[in-house]
């Protein structure tokens, strides 16, 4: 594609590949961008918002990260925006973007999904601020950075050793390299969280802090506590699993840090908290969920589990489905989170078909507890408890209730 990008004017003498132009007031202006299926990665360049004559943008089937730039709200002529099949892009439109825009966002079909390109062999190309004659005003892109990567489908050992990164022994695990999951320095995370200033949650792994990355994306930072009941195994497990799967209804991993004695996982911030918070959390967090929203959250979480069980390659069992592990984004879309205890489903002949029972009291499948035989049915049982929570507004286990009602399942 870049071979056609000659000169300073993307419309003259002939349009660059990916650009469509037309005449306006005697000048050629860019009206369409088509960068679909180009293996692009990184944030969508905000400078595209300077192309105010754009009517169509097609960025589907790439590996963009972050969210749609706020600068897109300046595209008043925009009629169509396609970002389908960008597994690591956040489904969030800028507030000022016209409601008349035909916006398409969605995941790839199971057979369509491709592993993202490796971080190795990256080549970065820069299109400088274009000031070529007739486009001096209409194509003020500034510096437009687009990363291309050679696709080499292979697994390698992530030992965190390179010419630019220090060696972190705890990161020596075998995963498929995924450039959308970045290794972050402890310093950058401390800066993003203002030295871990705002704690928004606490779990078995450790505390969760809110922060903001340099490019503006809000994040949730999960830091392992020294006294955590979960350890390096759970950290590596979540890192490995979430580097290999993606779905609209799973909370994606976007970064990690294992510098010095720290083990940190970084996710997009889910602005509406957890389903548990909304059902019976603290008064400051508890906002009434109407029935259409409850149904939508149920469907979203169910789709996430179906993906894990059926379309993630080898079947993955979550093992800790509960309302606090279903998070809600800005549009109240339900997303399954927390994969520290997740396992690949045992296959016929596996010696580890029987394994240590994991889960949370009140949600635990009694058959799984009794037999220690793991299957997708355990997740289905736990999700059934979540559905009861949504319908009744009751906690799954409450010793303050009458004895016959301690367990929500028994009460139902």
Protein backbone atom coordinates (compact mmCIF):
# COMPACT_ATOMS: atom_id res chain seq x y z
CA UNK A 1 0.00 0.00 0.00
CA UNK A 2 2.75 2.46 0.91
CA UNK A 3 4.35 2.13 -2.54
CA UNK A 4 1.56 4.32 -3.91
CA UNK A 5 2.09 7.01 -1.26
CA UNK A 6 4.39 9.27 -3.27
CA UNK A 7 4.67 13.02 -2.96
CA UNK A 8 2.87 15.23 -0.48
CA UNK A 9 -0.61 15.25 -1.99
CA UNK A 10 -2.66 12.04 -1.45
CA UNK A 11 -5.08 13.10 -4.20
CA UNK A 12 -2.72 14.23 -6.96
CA UNK A 13 -1.62 13.27 -9.50
CA UNK A 14 -3.41 10.03 -8.58
CA UNK A 15 -5.00 9.11 -5.25
CA UNK A 16 -2.91 7.10 -2.82
CA UNK A 17 -4.12 3.60 -2.06
CA UNK A 18 -6.71 3.77 0.70
CA UNK A 19 -7.74 7.36 -0.13
CA UNK A 20 -10.70 8.47 -2.27
CA UNK A 21 -10.91 12.09 -3.35
CA UNK A 22 -13.32 14.40 -5.10
CA UNK A 23 -13.39 18.02 -6.17
CA UNK A 24 -14.73 20.66 -3.82
CA UNK A 25 -14.58 24.40 -4.53
CA UNK A 26 -11.91 23.78 -7.14
CA UNK A 27 -9.73 21.68 -4.84
CA UNK A 28 -9.38 17.94 -4.35
CA UNK A 29 -10.34 16.78 -0.88
CA UNK A 30 -10.26 13.37 0.82
CA UNK A 31 -13.79 11.99 1.21
CA UNK A 32 -13.15 8.32 1.97
CA UNK A 33 -10.51 6.31 3.84
CA UNK A 34 -10.29 2.54 3.38
CA UNK A 35 -7.60 0.89 5.51
CA UNK A 36 -9.45 -2.38 6.03
CA UNK A 37 -7.46 -5.62 6.43
CA UNK A 38 -4.07 -3.86 6.49
CA UNK A 39 -2.80 -5.37 9.78
CA UNK A 40 -2.71 -1.93 11.39
CA UNK A 41 -2.23 -1.69 15.12
CA UNK A 42 -2.01 0.87 17.90
CA UNK A 43 -4.48 3.71 18.62
CA UNK A 44 -6.55 5.11 15.76
CA UNK A 45 -4.78 8.38 14.82
CA UNK A 46 -6.68 11.36 16.20
CA UNK A 47 -5.39 13.43 13.26
CA UNK A 48 -7.96 11.73 11.01
CA UNK A 49 -10.42 14.12 12.66
CA UNK A 50 -8.77 16.96 10.71
CA UNK A 51 -10.13 15.52 7.45
CA UNK A 52 -13.44 17.29 7.84
CA UNK A 53 -14.73 16.35 4.37
CA UNK A 54 -14.70 12.63 5.10
CA UNK A 55 -17.96 10.80 4.45
CA UNK A 56 -16.76 7.21 4.96
CA UNK A 57 -14.06 5.56 7.08
CA UNK A 58 -13.37 1.82 6.83
CA UNK A 59 -10.90 0.49 9.43
CA UNK A 60 -12.30 -3.01 9.86
CA UNK A 61 -10.25 -6.20 10.22
CA UNK A 62 -7.18 -4.68 11.88
CA UNK A 63 -5.73 -4.64 15.40
CA UNK A 64 -6.43 -1.09 16.55
CA UNK A 65 -6.46 -0.46 20.30
CA UNK A 66 -8.00 2.17 22.57
CA UNK A 67 -11.24 3.87 21.57
CA UNK A 68 -12.59 6.02 18.74
CA UNK A 69 -10.74 9.38 18.99
CA UNK A 70 -12.71 12.33 20.29
CA UNK A 71 -11.51 14.32 17.28
CA UNK A 72 -13.96 12.31 15.15
CA UNK A 73 -16.75 14.51 16.54
CA UNK A 74 -15.50 17.19 14.12
CA UNK A 75 -16.38 14.99 11.13
CA UNK A 76 -19.76 16.56 10.46
CA UNK A 77 -19.97 15.08 6.94
CA UNK A 78 -19.32 11.52 8.08
CA UNK A 79 -21.99 9.03 7.05
CA UNK A 80 -20.35 5.66 7.66
CA UNK A 81 -17.75 4.39 10.14
CA UNK A 82 -16.74 0.69 10.06
CA UNK A 83 -14.46 -0.75 12.74
CA UNK A 84 -15.67 -4.37 12.78
CA UNK A 85 -13.17 -7.08 13.66
CA UNK A 86 -10.75 -4.96 15.66
CA UNK A 87 -10.55 -7.32 18.65
CA UNK A 88 -8.83 -4.87 21.00
CA UNK A 89 -10.79 -1.71 20.20
CA UNK A 90 -13.18 -0.33 22.83
CA UNK A 91 -16.78 0.10 21.69
CA UNK A 92 -17.08 3.74 22.69
CA UNK A 93 -18.08 6.62 20.40
CA UNK A 94 -17.13 10.23 21.18
CA UNK A 95 -20.06 12.23 22.54
CA UNK A 96 -20.09 14.77 19.72
CA UNK A 97 -20.23 12.29 16.85
CA UNK A 98 -23.42 12.67 14.84
CA UNK A 99 -26.12 10.15 15.66
CA UNK A 100 -26.82 9.80 11.93
CA UNK A 101 -23.49 8.04 11.33
CA UNK A 102 -23.88 4.41 10.22
CA UNK A 103 -21.57 2.89 12.85
CA UNK A 104 -20.61 -0.79 12.70
CA UNK A 105 -18.67 -2.36 15.53
CA UNK A 106 -18.45 -6.05 16.27
CA UNK A 107 -16.26 -9.04 16.71
CA UNK A 108 -14.99 -11.43 14.11
CA UNK A 109 -16.75 -14.69 13.47
CA UNK A 110 -14.86 -17.58 15.01
CA UNK A 111 -13.53 -18.69 11.63
CA UNK A 112 -12.64 -15.10 10.68
CA UNK A 113 -10.61 -14.16 13.74
CA UNK A 114 -6.88 -13.93 13.20
CA UNK A 115 -4.19 -13.78 15.84
CA UNK A 116 -2.78 -10.25 15.93
CA UNK A 117 0.66 -9.67 14.37
CA UNK A 118 3.77 -10.13 16.42
CA UNK A 119 5.47 -7.17 17.98
CA UNK A 120 8.69 -8.32 16.35
CA UNK A 121 9.49 -7.09 12.84
CA UNK A 122 7.37 -3.96 13.23
CA UNK A 123 7.95 -1.16 10.75
CA UNK A 124 6.63 2.31 11.52
CA UNK A 125 5.83 4.73 8.71
CA UNK A 126 5.21 8.43 9.20
CA UNK A 127 3.14 10.66 6.99
CA UNK A 128 4.20 14.18 7.82
CA UNK A 129 1.89 17.18 7.91
CA UNK A 130 0.68 17.37 4.33
CA UNK A 131 0.71 20.86 2.86
CA UNK A 132 0.59 20.13 -0.82
CA UNK A 133 -1.01 22.99 -2.70
CA UNK A 134 -4.75 22.41 -2.82
CA UNK A 135 -4.76 20.29 0.33
CA UNK A 136 -3.06 22.75 2.63
CA UNK A 137 -6.29 23.28 4.57
CA UNK A 138 -8.16 20.06 4.00
CA UNK A 139 -5.46 17.48 4.72
CA UNK A 140 -3.76 18.88 7.86
CA UNK A 141 -3.10 15.47 9.28
CA UNK A 142 -0.16 16.51 11.39
CA UNK A 143 1.92 13.48 12.17
CA UNK A 144 -0.03 10.35 11.28
CA UNK A 145 1.63 7.27 12.73
CA UNK A 146 0.52 3.87 11.48
CA UNK A 147 2.18 0.65 12.52
CA UNK A 148 2.37 -2.29 10.17
CA UNK A 149 3.52 -5.69 11.18
CA UNK A 150 4.53 -8.79 9.27
CA UNK A 151 2.22 -11.59 10.23
CA UNK A 152 4.18 -14.59 11.41
CA UNK A 153 1.90 -17.03 13.14
CA UNK A 154 4.13 -18.63 15.67
CA UNK A 155 4.37 -18.95 19.43
CA UNK A 156 7.43 -17.83 21.31
CA UNK A 157 8.58 -17.68 24.88
CA UNK A 158 7.91 -14.32 26.48
CA UNK A 159 10.98 -14.00 28.66
CA UNK A 160 10.76 -10.19 28.69
CA UNK A 161 14.35 -9.97 27.50
CA UNK A 162 15.01 -7.47 24.74
CA UNK A 163 17.21 -4.53 23.96
CA UNK A 164 14.61 -2.12 25.29
CA UNK A 165 13.06 -3.95 28.25
CA UNK A 166 14.63 -5.22 31.46
CA UNK A 167 14.47 -8.92 32.22
CA UNK A 168 11.61 -9.93 34.52
CA UNK A 169 11.96 -13.54 35.57
CA UNK A 170 8.31 -13.82 36.60
CA UNK A 171 7.26 -13.20 32.99
CA UNK A 172 8.97 -16.27 31.59
CA UNK A 173 5.85 -18.04 30.39
CA UNK A 174 4.88 -19.50 27.04
CA UNK A 175 2.18 -17.42 25.36
CA UNK A 176 1.47 -16.36 21.81
CA UNK A 177 2.90 -12.87 21.43
CA UNK A 178 0.08 -10.35 21.24
CA UNK A 179 1.09 -6.73 20.56
CA UNK A 180 -2.25 -5.48 21.88
CA UNK A 181 -1.21 -6.73 25.34
CA UNK A 182 1.68 -4.45 26.20
CA UNK A 183 4.38 -4.96 28.77
CA UNK A 184 4.33 -1.76 30.81
CA UNK A 185 7.00 -0.40 33.11
CA UNK A 186 6.24 0.04 36.80
CA UNK A 187 7.05 3.73 36.44
CA UNK A 188 4.46 4.22 33.70
CA UNK A 189 1.80 2.48 35.79
CA UNK A 190 2.68 4.58 38.84
CA UNK A 191 2.32 7.69 36.70
CA UNK A 192 -0.99 6.51 35.22
CA UNK A 193 -2.45 5.82 38.67
CA UNK A 194 -0.91 8.84 40.45
CA UNK A 195 1.09 6.47 42.64
CA UNK A 196 -1.90 4.13 43.11
CA UNK A 197 -4.04 6.93 44.51
CA UNK A 198 -7.60 5.76 43.74
CA UNK A 199 -8.53 2.23 44.82
CA UNK A 200 -11.79 1.09 43.24
CA UNK A 201 -11.93 -2.53 44.34
CA UNK A 202 -10.37 -5.42 46.21
CA UNK A 203 -10.30 -9.09 45.29
CA UNK A 204 -8.51 -12.35 45.94
CA UNK A 205 -5.62 -11.24 43.73
CA UNK A 206 -5.24 -7.82 45.31
CA UNK A 207 -6.33 -4.21 45.05
CA UNK A 208 -7.67 -2.59 41.87
CA UNK A 209 -6.80 1.03 41.08
CA UNK A 210 -8.14 3.49 38.55
CA UNK A 211 -5.76 5.31 36.22
CA UNK A 212 -5.32 7.02 32.88
CA UNK A 213 -2.72 6.16 30.24
CA UNK A 214 -0.73 8.86 28.45
CA UNK A 215 -3.04 8.78 25.39
CA UNK A 216 -6.11 9.29 27.58
CA UNK A 217 -7.53 5.78 27.94
CA UNK A 218 -8.95 5.09 31.40
CA UNK A 219 -7.71 1.86 32.93
CA UNK A 220 -8.23 -0.47 35.87
CA UNK A 221 -4.96 -1.72 37.36
CA UNK A 222 -5.03 -4.97 39.33
CA UNK A 223 -2.03 -5.27 41.68
CA UNK A 224 -1.19 -8.53 43.38
CA UNK A 225 -1.05 -8.26 47.15
CA UNK A 226 1.83 -10.00 49.00
CA UNK A 227 -0.82 -11.75 51.10
CA UNK A 228 -2.91 -12.73 48.07
CA UNK A 229 -4.54 -16.14 48.05
CA UNK A 230 -3.77 -16.15 44.32
CA UNK A 231 -0.19 -16.22 43.14
CA UNK A 232 2.16 -16.37 40.20
CA UNK A 233 0.21 -19.30 38.77
CA UNK A 234 -3.03 -17.29 38.61
CA UNK A 235 -1.18 -14.24 37.24
CA UNK A 236 0.45 -16.26 34.47
CA UNK A 237 -2.81 -18.09 33.81
CA UNK A 238 -4.81 -14.89 33.29
CA UNK A 239 -2.03 -13.40 31.16
CA UNK A 240 -1.83 -16.50 28.98
CA UNK A 241 -5.57 -16.96 28.51
CA UNK A 242 -6.48 -13.35 27.83
CA UNK A 243 -3.62 -13.00 25.36
CA UNK A 244 -5.26 -15.70 23.27
CA UNK A 245 -8.98 -14.83 23.35
CA UNK A 246 -11.20 -11.87 22.51
CA UNK A 247 -14.89 -11.20 22.51
CA UNK A 248 -17.12 -8.14 22.94
CA UNK A 249 -18.41 -9.62 26.20
CA UNK A 250 -15.06 -10.41 27.80
CA UNK A 251 -13.03 -7.72 29.57
CA UNK A 252 -9.83 -7.56 27.49
CA UNK A 253 -6.34 -7.49 28.95
CA UNK A 254 -4.41 -4.52 27.54
CA UNK A 255 -1.21 -4.60 29.56
CA UNK A 256 0.83 -6.15 32.33
CA UNK A 257 3.90 -5.52 34.48
CA UNK A 258 6.10 -7.96 36.35
CA UNK A 259 8.95 -5.66 37.24
CA UNK A 260 10.93 -6.35 40.42
CA UNK A 261 8.50 -8.03 42.84
CA UNK A 262 5.33 -6.59 41.27
CA UNK A 263 2.68 -8.53 39.37
CA UNK A 264 0.20 -6.17 37.72
CA UNK A 265 -2.58 -6.66 35.16
CA UNK A 266 -4.11 -3.73 33.25
CA UNK A 267 -7.63 -3.62 31.78
CA UNK A 268 -9.92 -0.96 30.28
CA UNK A 269 -11.84 0.81 33.02
CA UNK A 270 -15.47 -0.33 33.20
CA UNK A 271 -17.22 2.89 34.18
CA UNK A 272 -20.42 1.31 35.52
CA UNK A 273 -18.72 -1.06 37.94
CA UNK A 274 -19.85 -4.61 38.52
CA UNK A 275 -23.27 -6.22 38.32
CA UNK A 276 -22.99 -6.97 42.03
CA UNK A 277 -22.52 -3.26 42.80
CA UNK A 278 -25.63 -2.41 40.84
CA UNK A 279 -27.76 -5.09 42.47
CA UNK A 280 -26.88 -4.63 46.14
CA UNK A 281 -23.61 -2.75 46.48
CA UNK A 282 -22.86 0.36 48.47
CA UNK A 283 -25.55 3.01 48.32
CA UNK A 284 -23.27 5.31 46.32
CA UNK A 285 -22.89 2.66 43.63
CA UNK A 286 -26.36 1.15 43.69
CA UNK A 287 -28.53 2.51 40.89
CA UNK A 288 -31.74 0.77 39.94
CA UNK A 289 -31.44 -1.44 36.88
CA UNK A 290 -34.54 -1.50 34.73
CA UNK A 291 -35.66 -4.82 33.28
CA UNK A 292 -34.48 -4.22 29.71
CA UNK A 293 -31.01 -3.45 31.07
CA UNK A 294 -31.02 -6.55 33.27
CA UNK A 295 -31.95 -8.72 30.30
CA UNK A 296 -29.28 -7.07 28.16
CA UNK A 297 -26.61 -7.72 30.81
CA UNK A 298 -27.71 -11.37 31.07
CA UNK A 299 -27.49 -11.84 27.31
CA UNK A 300 -24.09 -10.17 27.13
CA UNK A 301 -22.55 -12.28 29.89
CA UNK A 302 -24.10 -15.42 28.40
CA UNK A 303 -22.52 -14.64 25.04
CA UNK A 304 -19.14 -14.24 26.70
CA UNK A 305 -19.44 -17.65 28.34
CA UNK A 306 -20.65 -19.28 25.12
CA UNK A 307 -17.58 -17.91 23.37
CA UNK A 308 -15.28 -19.35 26.06
CA UNK A 309 -16.99 -22.72 25.93
CA UNK A 310 -17.37 -23.08 22.18
CA UNK A 311 -15.43 -20.61 20.05
CA UNK A 312 -12.13 -19.84 21.80
CA UNK A 313 -10.25 -22.67 20.13
CA UNK A 314 -10.05 -25.15 22.97
CA UNK A 315 -12.93 -24.92 25.45
CA UNK A 316 -12.18 -22.65 28.43
CA UNK A 317 -14.00 -23.00 31.75
CA UNK A 318 -14.12 -19.82 33.83
CA UNK A 319 -14.57 -21.54 37.24
CA UNK A 320 -15.58 -18.37 39.11
CA UNK A 321 -18.68 -16.94 37.43
CA UNK A 322 -20.40 -14.52 39.80
CA UNK A 323 -22.02 -11.09 39.74
CA UNK A 324 -18.85 -9.31 40.89
CA UNK A 325 -17.03 -10.81 37.89
CA UNK A 326 -19.53 -9.38 35.40
CA UNK A 327 -18.52 -5.79 34.70
CA UNK A 328 -20.53 -3.07 32.98
CA UNK A 329 -19.03 -0.64 30.49
CA UNK A 330 -20.22 2.88 29.68
CA UNK A 331 -23.18 1.53 27.68
CA UNK A 332 -24.12 -1.06 30.34
CA UNK A 333 -22.81 -3.92 28.22
CA UNK A 334 -22.10 -6.96 30.43
CA UNK A 335 -18.55 -8.33 30.19
CA UNK A 336 -17.14 -11.40 31.94
CA UNK A 337 -13.96 -10.66 33.92
CA UNK A 338 -11.32 -12.24 36.20
CA UNK A 339 -9.77 -15.32 34.60
CA UNK A 340 -7.27 -16.19 37.33
CA UNK A 341 -8.91 -19.55 38.04
CA UNK A 342 -9.90 -20.37 34.46
CA UNK A 343 -8.83 -23.66 32.91
CA UNK A 344 -8.92 -25.35 29.54
CA UNK A 345 -11.58 -28.05 29.66
CA UNK A 346 -10.13 -31.54 30.20
CA UNK A 347 -10.04 -33.59 27.03
CA UNK A 348 -10.68 -37.30 26.81
CA UNK A 349 -7.76 -39.15 28.30
CA UNK A 350 -6.40 -36.18 30.27
CA UNK A 351 -4.90 -37.18 33.58
CA UNK A 352 -5.95 -33.90 35.18
CA UNK A 353 -9.67 -34.26 34.56
CA UNK A 354 -10.03 -34.28 38.35
CA UNK A 355 -8.55 -31.13 39.85
CA UNK A 356 -8.66 -28.81 42.82
CA UNK A 357 -12.07 -27.22 43.27
CA UNK A 358 -12.15 -23.45 42.77
CA UNK A 359 -15.02 -21.01 43.01
CA UNK A 360 -17.02 -18.83 45.38
CA UNK A 361 -19.43 -19.99 48.07
CA UNK A 362 -23.02 -19.57 46.95
CA UNK A 363 -22.12 -20.01 43.29
CA UNK A 364 -20.30 -23.33 43.43
CA UNK A 365 -21.75 -26.24 41.48
CA UNK A 366 -22.46 -28.98 44.08
CA UNK A 367 -21.73 -31.75 41.57
CA UNK A 368 -18.33 -30.24 40.77
CA UNK A 369 -17.64 -29.86 44.49
CA UNK A 370 -18.55 -33.48 45.19
CA UNK A 371 -16.78 -35.14 42.25
CA UNK A 372 -14.02 -32.60 41.50
CA UNK A 373 -14.70 -33.33 37.83
CA UNK A 374 -14.59 -30.11 35.85
CA UNK A 375 -16.94 -29.33 32.94
CA UNK A 376 -18.75 -26.38 31.38
CA UNK A 377 -21.80 -27.36 33.45
CA UNK A 378 -20.09 -25.78 36.47
CA UNK A 379 -20.05 -22.38 34.75
CA UNK A 380 -23.67 -22.85 33.68
CA UNK A 381 -24.73 -23.57 37.27
CA UNK A 382 -22.89 -20.49 38.56
CA UNK A 383 -24.44 -18.35 35.85
CA UNK A 384 -27.85 -19.67 36.88
CA UNK A 385 -27.19 -18.30 40.36
CA UNK A 386 -26.34 -14.93 38.78
CA UNK A 387 -29.68 -15.00 36.96
CA UNK A 388 -31.43 -15.61 40.30
CA UNK A 389 -29.59 -12.60 41.73
CA UNK A 390 -30.75 -10.44 38.85
CA UNK A 391 -34.37 -11.55 39.22
CA UNK A 392 -34.58 -11.39 43.04
CA UNK A 393 -31.98 -8.78 43.98
CA UNK A 394 -30.82 -11.15 46.72
CA UNK A 395 -27.25 -12.19 47.49
CA UNK A 396 -26.42 -15.85 46.76
CA UNK A 397 -25.39 -16.52 50.36
CA UNK A 398 -26.61 -14.43 53.29
CA UNK A 399 -26.36 -15.71 56.85
CA UNK A 400 -28.48 -12.79 58.06
CA UNK A 401 -31.54 -14.33 56.39
CA UNK A 402 -33.59 -17.10 58.07
CA UNK A 403 -31.78 -20.44 58.06
CA UNK A 404 -33.94 -21.84 55.26
CA UNK A 405 -33.01 -18.83 53.11
CA UNK A 406 -29.24 -18.70 53.67
CA UNK A 407 -28.66 -20.12 50.21
CA UNK A 408 -30.44 -18.36 47.37
CA UNK A 409 -30.49 -21.62 45.40
CA UNK A 410 -32.19 -23.52 48.23
CA UNK A 411 -34.62 -20.65 48.80
CA UNK A 412 -35.56 -20.60 45.11
